[in-house]
Amino acid sequence: MIAYSDHDLEAMLSDLESDLVERKESLKGDAPTKAREAVCAFANDLPAHGRPGVLFIGARDDGSPAGLAVDDELLLQIADMKTDGNIVPPPTLTVAKHTLRGADMAVVTVWPVDSPPARYKGRIWVRVGPRRGIASAQDERILNEKRRYGDRPWDVYPVPSAVPADLDRRRFEDEYLPAAVAPDVLAANERSYEQRLAVTKMVLSADELTPTVLGILVLSNRTRDFIPGAYIQFLRVEGRELADPIADEQLIDGPVSEVLRRIDEKLAAHNRTAVDLTSSTREIRSSTYPMPALQQIVRNAVLHRSYEATNAPVRVTWYDDRIEITSPGGPFGAVNADNFGQPDLSDYRNPNLAEALRVLGFAQRFGVGIATARRALEMNGNPPLEFDVNQSTVGVTLRRAR
């Protein structure tokens, strides 16, 4: 656990209030409530610093001492913030008396909780920069994902409204299972259909046959009945603005293998190929966009998107001069807005779906999609990929070859 030295605390006290620092002159009036909200916000660590936040009691807004008498009674009153049952789960915090800037202050150090979101009196408090407020639905989704980052992935959570009959048995036995299990192993084992579903994580277990999110995405013909955002919205716009005329539009849903095959067909149908018969003794073919790049970016969008707490689809919008591909859900785990797209850096919001796409032949190696797309674009003469990454979405723009 990180422990700040007095030197560190002096620096934090002198700095502007941030998402790791808050100051209170005393615990009078509504200050105890505000202090608990701050503790809750530090415990949630929405910006994902992975470091403790600090609440200084006995400091003015500018960091100067407020002249507060810090005695045992005050320290016990502060420590009660952890144990009074109002912040759930109880945060890990320390309360100590420090002499900073020549005066006594009570310093509360709050570590991020392992299982966010933490709630104070039923409300989720977060802090971004100097702002402390109640979490939005998007903030709550991010905190839920932080919990599952070290827990069971959401793609193997059960879908309570689904039953085994919602899974296509023929698709499982004829397409998925032979690709997932070696033929000799499949012939030798005597597992039942239900046991095979459980082993491949399509249902919760052989004893509890509730389909998982993975099972619905891979095997259900009615994916949107259970996961409303599980589709691709394709638009071909005649022009460079979304308000220009629509030349083609299609909603592509169903099992993920069908979604990816159909979007490949749609992309190929709109991708123009030029034939050069004069520059060489052999004809040279070049496309407006290299198909490997389109495939990699779309498959990444389907794989890495959030399927939880959103009804938004993956959007593929093809303009005259570019293609914009937008995926719901921001970066996940070790990937953030600053390091997004770096070589050899990847993380998986949906690791079991990643394995399913490999089984189905849509991914050969993990973590190389962006690198493959970049190389294909460069060889085809297209400009580099452009990224627009935030906490809610990941957007990728491919521009046509000049």
Protein backbone atom coordinates (compact mmCIF):
# COMPACT_ATOMS: atom_id res chain seq x y z
CA MET A 1 0.00 0.00 0.00
CA ILE A 2 1.24 3.47 -0.87
CA ALA A 3 2.06 5.66 2.16
CA TYR A 4 2.65 9.35 1.55
CA SER A 5 5.56 10.98 3.36
CA ASP A 6 5.23 14.37 5.03
CA HIS A 7 7.10 15.79 2.05
CA ASP A 8 4.47 14.30 -0.29
CA LEU A 9 1.66 15.65 1.88
CA GLU A 10 3.19 19.13 1.93
CA ALA A 11 3.34 19.10 -1.87
CA MET A 12 -0.27 17.90 -2.16
CA LEU A 13 -1.40 20.49 0.37
CA SER A 14 0.28 23.29 -1.60
CA ASP A 15 -1.10 22.17 -4.95
CA LEU A 16 -4.52 22.99 -6.36
CA GLU A 17 -7.40 20.74 -5.34
CA SER A 18 -7.49 17.77 -7.67
CA ASP A 19 -9.13 14.37 -7.89
CA LEU A 20 -6.64 13.17 -5.25
CA VAL A 21 -6.87 16.10 -2.79
CA GLU A 22 -9.64 17.81 -0.82
CA ARG A 23 -9.42 20.24 2.12
CA LYS A 24 -11.77 21.08 5.00
CA GLU A 25 -11.18 23.74 7.65
CA SER A 26 -13.04 21.75 10.32
CA LEU A 27 -15.83 19.22 10.86
CA LYS A 28 -18.47 21.80 11.75
CA GLY A 29 -21.79 22.32 9.99
CA ASP A 30 -22.23 20.14 6.91
CA ALA A 31 -18.49 19.35 6.75
CA PRO A 32 -18.90 15.78 8.13
CA THR A 33 -21.28 14.97 5.27
CA LYS A 34 -19.02 16.58 2.69
CA ALA A 35 -16.03 14.73 4.12
CA ARG A 36 -17.83 11.38 3.77
CA GLU A 37 -18.75 12.21 0.19
CA ALA A 38 -15.09 12.95 -0.48
CA VAL A 39 -14.01 9.65 1.11
CA CYS A 40 -16.56 7.79 -1.05
CA ALA A 41 -15.29 9.56 -4.18
CA PHE A 42 -11.64 8.75 -3.38
CA ALA A 43 -12.59 5.12 -2.74
CA ASN A 44 -14.21 4.89 -6.19
CA ASP A 45 -11.11 6.32 -7.94
CA LEU A 46 -13.02 6.99 -11.18
CA PRO A 47 -9.90 8.40 -12.97
CA ALA A 48 -8.16 5.06 -12.18
CA HIS A 49 -5.05 6.56 -10.57
CA GLY A 50 -4.59 3.44 -8.45
CA ARG A 51 -3.32 5.72 -5.66
CA PRO A 52 -4.93 6.93 -2.45
CA GLY A 53 -6.71 10.23 -2.19
CA VAL A 54 -6.08 12.59 0.73
CA LEU A 55 -8.54 14.64 2.76
CA PHE A 56 -6.89 17.37 4.84
CA ILE A 57 -8.95 18.53 7.82
CA GLY A 58 -7.66 21.75 9.31
CA ALA A 59 -6.63 23.35 6.00
CA ARG A 60 -8.17 26.24 4.11
CA ASP A 61 -8.90 26.09 0.38
CA ASP A 62 -5.49 27.60 -0.40
CA GLY A 63 -3.74 24.96 1.74
CA SER A 64 -2.87 27.29 4.62
CA PRO A 65 -3.49 26.04 8.17
CA ALA A 66 -6.90 26.81 9.66
CA GLY A 67 -5.65 26.61 13.26
CA LEU A 68 -7.79 23.57 14.11
CA ALA A 69 -7.11 21.80 17.39
CA VAL A 70 -6.46 18.17 16.43
CA ASP A 71 -7.13 15.98 19.48
CA ASP A 72 -8.08 12.34 20.05
CA GLU A 73 -11.79 13.16 19.98
CA LEU A 74 -11.51 14.67 16.51
CA LEU A 75 -9.46 11.74 15.21
CA LEU A 76 -12.05 9.26 16.55
CA GLN A 77 -14.83 11.28 14.94
CA ILE A 78 -13.03 11.10 11.61
CA ALA A 79 -12.24 7.38 11.93
CA ASP A 80 -15.95 6.75 12.47
CA MET A 81 -16.48 7.56 8.77
CA LYS A 82 -15.22 4.05 7.99
CA THR A 83 -17.27 2.15 10.52
CA ASP A 84 -20.59 3.99 10.81
CA GLY A 85 -22.05 1.90 7.96
CA ASN A 86 -22.88 4.81 5.68
CA ILE A 87 -20.12 4.09 3.13
CA VAL A 88 -20.50 0.65 1.56
CA PRO A 89 -18.27 -1.26 0.98
CA PRO A 90 -16.25 0.17 3.89
CA PRO A 91 -13.17 1.88 2.46
CA THR A 92 -9.61 1.29 3.58
CA LEU A 93 -8.45 4.51 5.18
CA THR A 94 -6.02 5.80 7.77
CA VAL A 95 -6.43 8.82 10.01
CA ALA A 96 -3.38 10.49 11.46
CA LYS A 97 -2.25 13.76 12.99
CA HIS A 98 0.48 15.50 10.99
CA THR A 99 2.32 18.76 11.44
CA LEU A 100 2.28 20.45 8.07
CA ARG A 101 3.21 24.04 7.33
CA GLY A 102 3.99 24.44 11.01
CA ALA A 103 0.48 23.50 12.20
CA ASP A 104 -1.43 20.38 13.19
CA MET A 105 -3.83 18.82 10.69
CA ALA A 106 -5.82 15.61 10.52
CA VAL A 107 -4.91 13.70 7.38
CA VAL A 108 -7.30 11.07 6.00
CA THR A 109 -5.73 8.78 3.40
CA VAL A 110 -8.26 6.75 1.38
CA TRP A 111 -7.32 3.79 -0.81
CA PRO A 112 -9.38 2.74 -3.88
CA VAL A 113 -11.80 -0.07 -3.06
CA ASP A 114 -11.33 -3.44 -4.74
CA SER A 115 -15.03 -3.79 -5.56
CA PRO A 116 -16.39 -0.44 -6.74
CA PRO A 117 -18.72 1.31 -6.77
CA ALA A 118 -18.67 2.49 -3.17
CA ARG A 119 -21.83 4.26 -2.04
CA TYR A 120 -22.46 6.84 0.64
CA LYS A 121 -26.06 6.57 1.87
CA GLY A 122 -26.97 4.78 -1.35
CA ARG A 123 -25.35 7.33 -3.67
CA ILE A 124 -22.20 6.82 -5.72
CA TRP A 125 -19.84 9.77 -5.36
CA VAL A 126 -16.97 10.36 -7.78
CA ARG A 127 -14.34 12.98 -8.27
CA VAL A 128 -12.87 14.23 -11.54
CA GLY A 129 -10.44 17.08 -11.08
CA PRO A 130 -11.77 19.50 -8.46
CA ARG A 131 -15.37 18.42 -9.06
CA ARG A 132 -17.10 16.06 -6.66
CA GLY A 133 -20.55 14.85 -7.60
CA ILE A 134 -22.95 11.96 -7.96
CA ALA A 135 -21.92 9.42 -10.58
CA SER A 136 -23.70 9.41 -13.92
CA ALA A 137 -24.91 6.18 -15.49
CA GLN A 138 -21.74 6.16 -17.59
CA ASP A 139 -19.57 6.68 -14.50
CA GLU A 140 -21.33 3.78 -12.79
CA ARG A 141 -20.73 1.52 -15.80
CA ILE A 142 -17.03 2.34 -15.70
CA LEU A 143 -16.86 1.57 -11.99
CA ASN A 144 -18.68 -1.72 -12.53
CA GLU A 145 -16.13 -2.65 -15.19
CA LYS A 146 -13.29 -1.77 -12.81
CA ARG A 147 -14.72 -4.29 -10.36
CA ARG A 148 -14.98 -6.99 -12.98
CA TYR A 149 -11.49 -6.18 -14.27
CA GLY A 150 -10.26 -8.31 -11.37
CA ASP A 151 -13.35 -10.50 -11.22
CA ARG A 152 -15.39 -12.66 -13.58
CA PRO A 153 -15.68 -11.00 -17.03
CA TRP A 154 -19.11 -9.74 -17.96
CA ASP A 155 -19.22 -11.84 -21.14
CA VAL A 156 -19.76 -14.98 -19.02
CA TYR A 157 -22.42 -13.45 -16.78
CA PRO A 158 -25.83 -15.15 -17.03
CA VAL A 159 -28.70 -13.67 -19.04
CA PRO A 160 -31.60 -14.43 -16.67
CA SER A 161 -34.36 -13.95 -19.27
CA ALA A 162 -32.83 -16.49 -21.68
CA VAL A 163 -33.31 -20.27 -21.70
CA PRO A 164 -31.29 -23.04 -23.42
CA ALA A 165 -33.81 -23.16 -26.28
CA ASP A 166 -32.67 -19.63 -27.22
CA LEU A 167 -29.31 -21.12 -28.27
CA ASP A 168 -29.03 -22.64 -31.75
CA ARG A 169 -28.02 -26.24 -31.11
CA ARG A 170 -27.19 -26.98 -34.74
CA ARG A 171 -24.93 -23.94 -34.95
CA PHE A 172 -23.17 -25.07 -31.77
CA GLU A 173 -22.69 -28.71 -32.76
CA ASP A 174 -22.00 -28.21 -36.46
CA GLU A 175 -20.01 -24.95 -36.47
CA TYR A 176 -18.65 -23.94 -33.10
CA LEU A 177 -17.84 -27.20 -31.32
CA PRO A 178 -15.81 -28.83 -34.15
CA ALA A 179 -13.74 -25.64 -34.40
CA ALA A 180 -13.24 -25.40 -30.63
CA VAL A 181 -12.36 -29.03 -29.87
CA ALA A 182 -10.05 -31.36 -31.77
CA PRO A 183 -12.02 -34.05 -33.68
CA ASP A 184 -10.39 -36.97 -31.87
CA VAL A 185 -11.05 -35.41 -28.47
CA LEU A 186 -14.63 -34.67 -29.47
CA ALA A 187 -15.14 -38.25 -30.64
CA ALA A 188 -13.59 -39.73 -27.51
CA ASN A 189 -15.41 -37.81 -24.81
CA GLU A 190 -18.94 -38.68 -23.84
CA ARG A 191 -20.11 -35.36 -22.52
CA SER A 192 -23.74 -34.42 -22.96
CA TYR A 193 -24.90 -31.44 -24.99
CA GLU A 194 -25.48 -29.52 -21.74
CA GLN A 195 -22.02 -30.34 -20.44
CA ARG A 196 -20.45 -29.19 -23.70
CA LEU A 197 -22.35 -25.91 -23.50
CA ALA A 198 -21.03 -25.42 -19.98
CA VAL A 199 -17.41 -26.26 -20.88
CA THR A 200 -17.45 -23.70 -23.69
CA LYS A 201 -19.07 -21.13 -21.32
CA MET A 202 -22.25 -20.83 -23.38
CA VAL A 203 -24.29 -21.56 -20.23
CA LEU A 204 -23.55 -20.91 -16.58
CA SER A 205 -22.96 -24.57 -15.69
CA ALA A 206 -24.21 -28.06 -16.52
CA ASP A 207 -26.48 -27.84 -13.49
CA GLU A 208 -27.64 -24.27 -14.14
CA LEU A 209 -28.38 -23.97 -17.85
CA THR A 210 -28.93 -20.23 -17.98
CA PRO A 211 -27.26 -18.91 -21.15
CA THR A 212 -24.37 -16.52 -20.69
CA VAL A 213 -23.80 -13.28 -22.57
CA LEU A 214 -21.25 -15.22 -24.63
CA GLY A 215 -23.80 -17.91 -25.43
CA ILE A 216 -26.31 -15.32 -26.64
CA LEU A 217 -23.74 -13.47 -28.76
CA VAL A 218 -22.37 -16.63 -30.37
CA LEU A 219 -25.38 -18.94 -30.65
CA SER A 220 -28.64 -17.02 -30.42
CA ASN A 221 -30.62 -15.97 -33.47
CA ARG A 222 -32.34 -13.32 -31.33
CA THR A 223 -29.39 -11.51 -29.82
CA ARG A 224 -31.14 -8.14 -29.65
CA ASP A 225 -34.00 -9.57 -27.61
CA PHE A 226 -31.51 -10.06 -24.79
CA ILE A 227 -28.67 -7.63 -25.59
CA PRO A 228 -30.33 -4.71 -27.40
CA GLY A 229 -27.11 -3.09 -28.63
CA ALA A 230 -25.63 -6.26 -30.15
CA TYR A 231 -25.71 -5.18 -33.79
CA ILE A 232 -23.91 -3.06 -36.38
CA GLN A 233 -25.55 -0.02 -37.91
CA PHE A 234 -24.13 0.53 -41.43
CA LEU A 235 -24.65 3.78 -43.36
CA ARG A 236 -23.32 4.78 -46.78
CA VAL A 237 -23.57 8.55 -47.04
CA GLU A 238 -23.36 10.29 -50.40
CA GLY A 239 -21.26 13.19 -49.25
CA ARG A 240 -19.03 14.20 -46.37
CA GLU A 241 -21.61 15.12 -43.73
CA LEU A 242 -24.13 12.97 -41.90
CA ALA A 243 -26.95 15.20 -43.16
CA ASP A 244 -26.12 14.34 -46.79
CA PRO A 245 -28.27 11.77 -48.66
CA ILE A 246 -28.13 8.14 -47.52
CA ALA A 247 -27.22 5.77 -50.36
CA ASP A 248 -27.40 2.55 -48.34
CA GLU A 249 -28.44 1.62 -44.82
CA GLN A 250 -28.56 -1.71 -43.04
CA LEU A 251 -28.97 -3.00 -39.51
CA ILE A 252 -26.87 -6.15 -39.15
CA ASP A 253 -27.67 -8.43 -36.22
CA GLY A 254 -27.75 -12.10 -35.24
CA PRO A 255 -24.99 -14.44 -34.05
CA VAL A 256 -21.62 -12.72 -34.05
CA SER A 257 -20.25 -14.92 -36.86
CA GLU A 258 -23.14 -13.92 -39.13
CA VAL A 259 -22.77 -10.25 -38.17
CA LEU A 260 -19.09 -10.25 -39.13
CA ARG A 261 -19.65 -12.16 -42.38
CA ARG A 262 -22.46 -9.84 -43.45
CA ILE A 263 -20.54 -6.66 -42.61
CA ASP A 264 -17.59 -8.01 -44.62
CA GLU A 265 -19.92 -8.47 -47.60
CA LYS A 266 -21.35 -4.97 -47.17
CA LEU A 267 -17.90 -3.39 -46.96
CA ALA A 268 -16.65 -5.31 -50.01
CA ALA A 269 -19.72 -4.25 -52.01
CA HIS A 270 -18.97 -0.55 -51.45
CA ASN A 271 -15.19 -0.76 -51.80
CA ARG A 272 -14.08 0.26 -55.29
CA THR A 273 -11.11 -1.47 -56.92
CA ALA A 274 -8.98 0.25 -59.54
CA VAL A 275 -7.06 -1.78 -62.14
CA ASP A 276 -3.75 -0.42 -63.53
CA LEU A 277 -2.78 -2.09 -66.83
CA THR A 278 0.02 0.29 -67.86
CA SER A 279 2.49 0.59 -64.96
CA SER A 280 3.66 -3.02 -65.13
CA THR A 281 3.59 -6.12 -67.28
CA ARG A 282 0.96 -7.45 -64.87
CA GLU A 283 -2.23 -5.71 -63.88
CA ILE A 284 -2.11 -3.90 -60.51
CA ARG A 285 -5.28 -3.80 -58.42
CA SER A 286 -5.80 -1.31 -55.60
CA SER A 287 -8.86 -0.59 -53.49
CA THR A 288 -10.09 2.64 -51.99
CA TYR A 289 -9.62 0.93 -48.62
CA PRO A 290 -7.68 -2.29 -47.95
CA MET A 291 -10.14 -4.94 -46.77
CA PRO A 292 -7.79 -6.30 -44.06
CA ALA A 293 -7.77 -2.87 -42.41
CA LEU A 294 -11.56 -2.55 -42.55
CA GLN A 295 -12.01 -6.06 -41.18
CA GLN A 296 -9.58 -5.57 -38.30
CA ILE A 297 -11.08 -2.29 -37.14
CA VAL A 298 -14.68 -3.53 -37.37
CA ARG A 299 -13.85 -6.79 -35.58
CA ASN A 300 -12.02 -4.87 -32.87
CA ALA A 301 -15.10 -2.68 -32.45
CA VAL A 302 -17.37 -5.72 -32.05
CA LEU A 303 -14.94 -7.49 -29.72
CA HIS A 304 -13.86 -4.65 -27.42
CA ARG A 305 -17.14 -2.75 -27.13
CA SER A 306 -19.22 -2.69 -23.95
CA TYR A 307 -22.39 -4.76 -24.19
CA GLU A 308 -23.51 -3.69 -20.72
CA ALA A 309 -25.74 -0.76 -19.75
CA THR A 310 -25.97 0.54 -23.33
CA ASN A 311 -28.32 -0.01 -26.24
CA ALA A 312 -25.96 1.61 -28.72
CA PRO A 313 -24.68 -0.42 -31.68
CA VAL A 314 -21.32 -0.41 -33.35
CA ARG A 315 -21.67 2.23 -36.06
CA VAL A 316 -19.96 2.04 -39.45
CA THR A 317 -20.54 5.26 -41.39
CA TRP A 318 -19.03 5.39 -44.88
CA TYR A 319 -18.62 8.90 -46.33
CA ASP A 320 -17.17 9.88 -49.68
CA ASP A 321 -13.79 10.73 -48.12
CA ARG A 322 -13.61 8.54 -45.01
CA ILE A 323 -15.09 5.73 -42.94
CA GLU A 324 -15.91 6.31 -39.27
CA ILE A 325 -16.27 3.29 -36.97
CA THR A 326 -17.57 3.94 -33.46
CA SER A 327 -17.66 1.40 -30.64
CA PRO A 328 -19.66 1.92 -27.39
CA GLY A 329 -17.57 1.80 -24.24
CA GLY A 330 -14.22 3.46 -23.73
CA PRO A 331 -10.85 1.76 -23.29
CA PHE A 332 -10.58 -1.02 -20.71
CA GLY A 333 -8.09 -2.23 -18.11
CA ALA A 334 -4.47 -1.46 -18.97
CA VAL A 335 -5.52 0.52 -22.06
CA ASN A 336 -6.48 4.16 -21.64
CA ALA A 337 -6.97 7.25 -23.79
CA ASP A 338 -3.29 8.17 -23.56
CA ASN A 339 -1.77 4.83 -24.58
CA PHE A 340 -4.52 3.64 -26.95
CA GLY A 341 -3.12 2.09 -30.12
CA GLN A 342 0.39 1.55 -28.78
CA PRO A 343 2.05 -1.61 -30.14
CA ASP A 344 2.05 -4.65 -27.86
CA LEU A 345 -0.51 -3.11 -25.50
CA SER A 346 -3.94 -4.68 -25.27
CA ASP A 347 -6.56 -5.68 -22.76
CA TYR A 348 -9.88 -7.47 -23.03
CA ARG A 349 -13.24 -6.36 -21.74
CA ASN A 350 -14.69 -9.54 -23.29
CA PRO A 351 -11.91 -12.17 -23.13
CA ASN A 352 -14.24 -15.12 -23.73
CA LEU A 353 -15.72 -13.46 -26.80
CA ALA A 354 -12.13 -12.94 -28.00
CA GLU A 355 -11.54 -16.67 -27.71
CA ALA A 356 -14.82 -17.40 -29.52
CA LEU A 357 -13.80 -15.15 -32.43
CA ARG A 358 -10.52 -17.02 -32.64
CA VAL A 359 -12.39 -20.34 -32.68
CA LEU A 360 -14.67 -19.04 -35.44
CA GLY A 361 -11.73 -17.88 -37.54
CA PHE A 362 -12.17 -14.13 -37.16
CA ALA A 363 -8.98 -13.62 -35.13
CA GLN A 364 -5.69 -15.42 -35.56
CA ARG A 365 -3.55 -13.52 -33.08
CA PHE A 366 -4.68 -11.31 -30.24
CA GLY A 367 -3.49 -7.73 -29.90
CA VAL A 368 -2.35 -7.21 -33.50
CA GLY A 369 -5.52 -5.80 -35.08
CA ILE A 370 -4.48 -2.15 -35.08
CA ALA A 371 -0.94 -2.98 -36.22
CA THR A 372 -2.33 -5.07 -39.09
CA ALA A 373 -4.68 -2.28 -40.12
CA ARG A 374 -1.90 0.31 -40.02
CA ARG A 375 0.34 -1.78 -42.24
CA ALA A 376 -2.45 -2.49 -44.73
CA LEU A 377 -3.32 1.21 -44.97
CA GLU A 378 0.30 2.21 -45.49
CA MET A 379 0.82 -0.38 -48.24
CA ASN A 380 -2.39 0.77 -49.97
CA GLY A 381 -1.44 4.45 -49.82
CA ASN A 382 -4.08 5.50 -47.27
CA PRO A 383 -3.41 8.10 -44.55
CA PRO A 384 -2.79 6.77 -41.00
CA LEU A 385 -5.62 5.76 -38.69
CA GLU A 386 -7.18 8.51 -36.57
CA PHE A 387 -8.48 7.78 -33.06
CA ASP A 388 -11.06 9.59 -30.94
CA VAL A 389 -10.99 7.91 -27.51
CA ASN A 390 -12.94 8.90 -24.42
CA GLN A 391 -14.60 7.16 -21.48
CA SER A 392 -17.80 6.49 -23.43
CA THR A 393 -16.71 5.52 -26.93
CA VAL A 394 -13.80 4.62 -29.15
CA GLY A 395 -13.91 6.11 -32.62
CA VAL A 396 -11.60 5.19 -35.51
CA THR A 397 -11.44 7.06 -38.82
CA LEU A 398 -9.98 5.58 -42.01
CA ARG A 399 -9.41 8.01 -44.87
CA ARG A 400 -9.52 6.99 -48.51
CA ALA A 401 -6.38 6.48 -50.56
CA ARG A 402 -5.27 9.61 -52.37
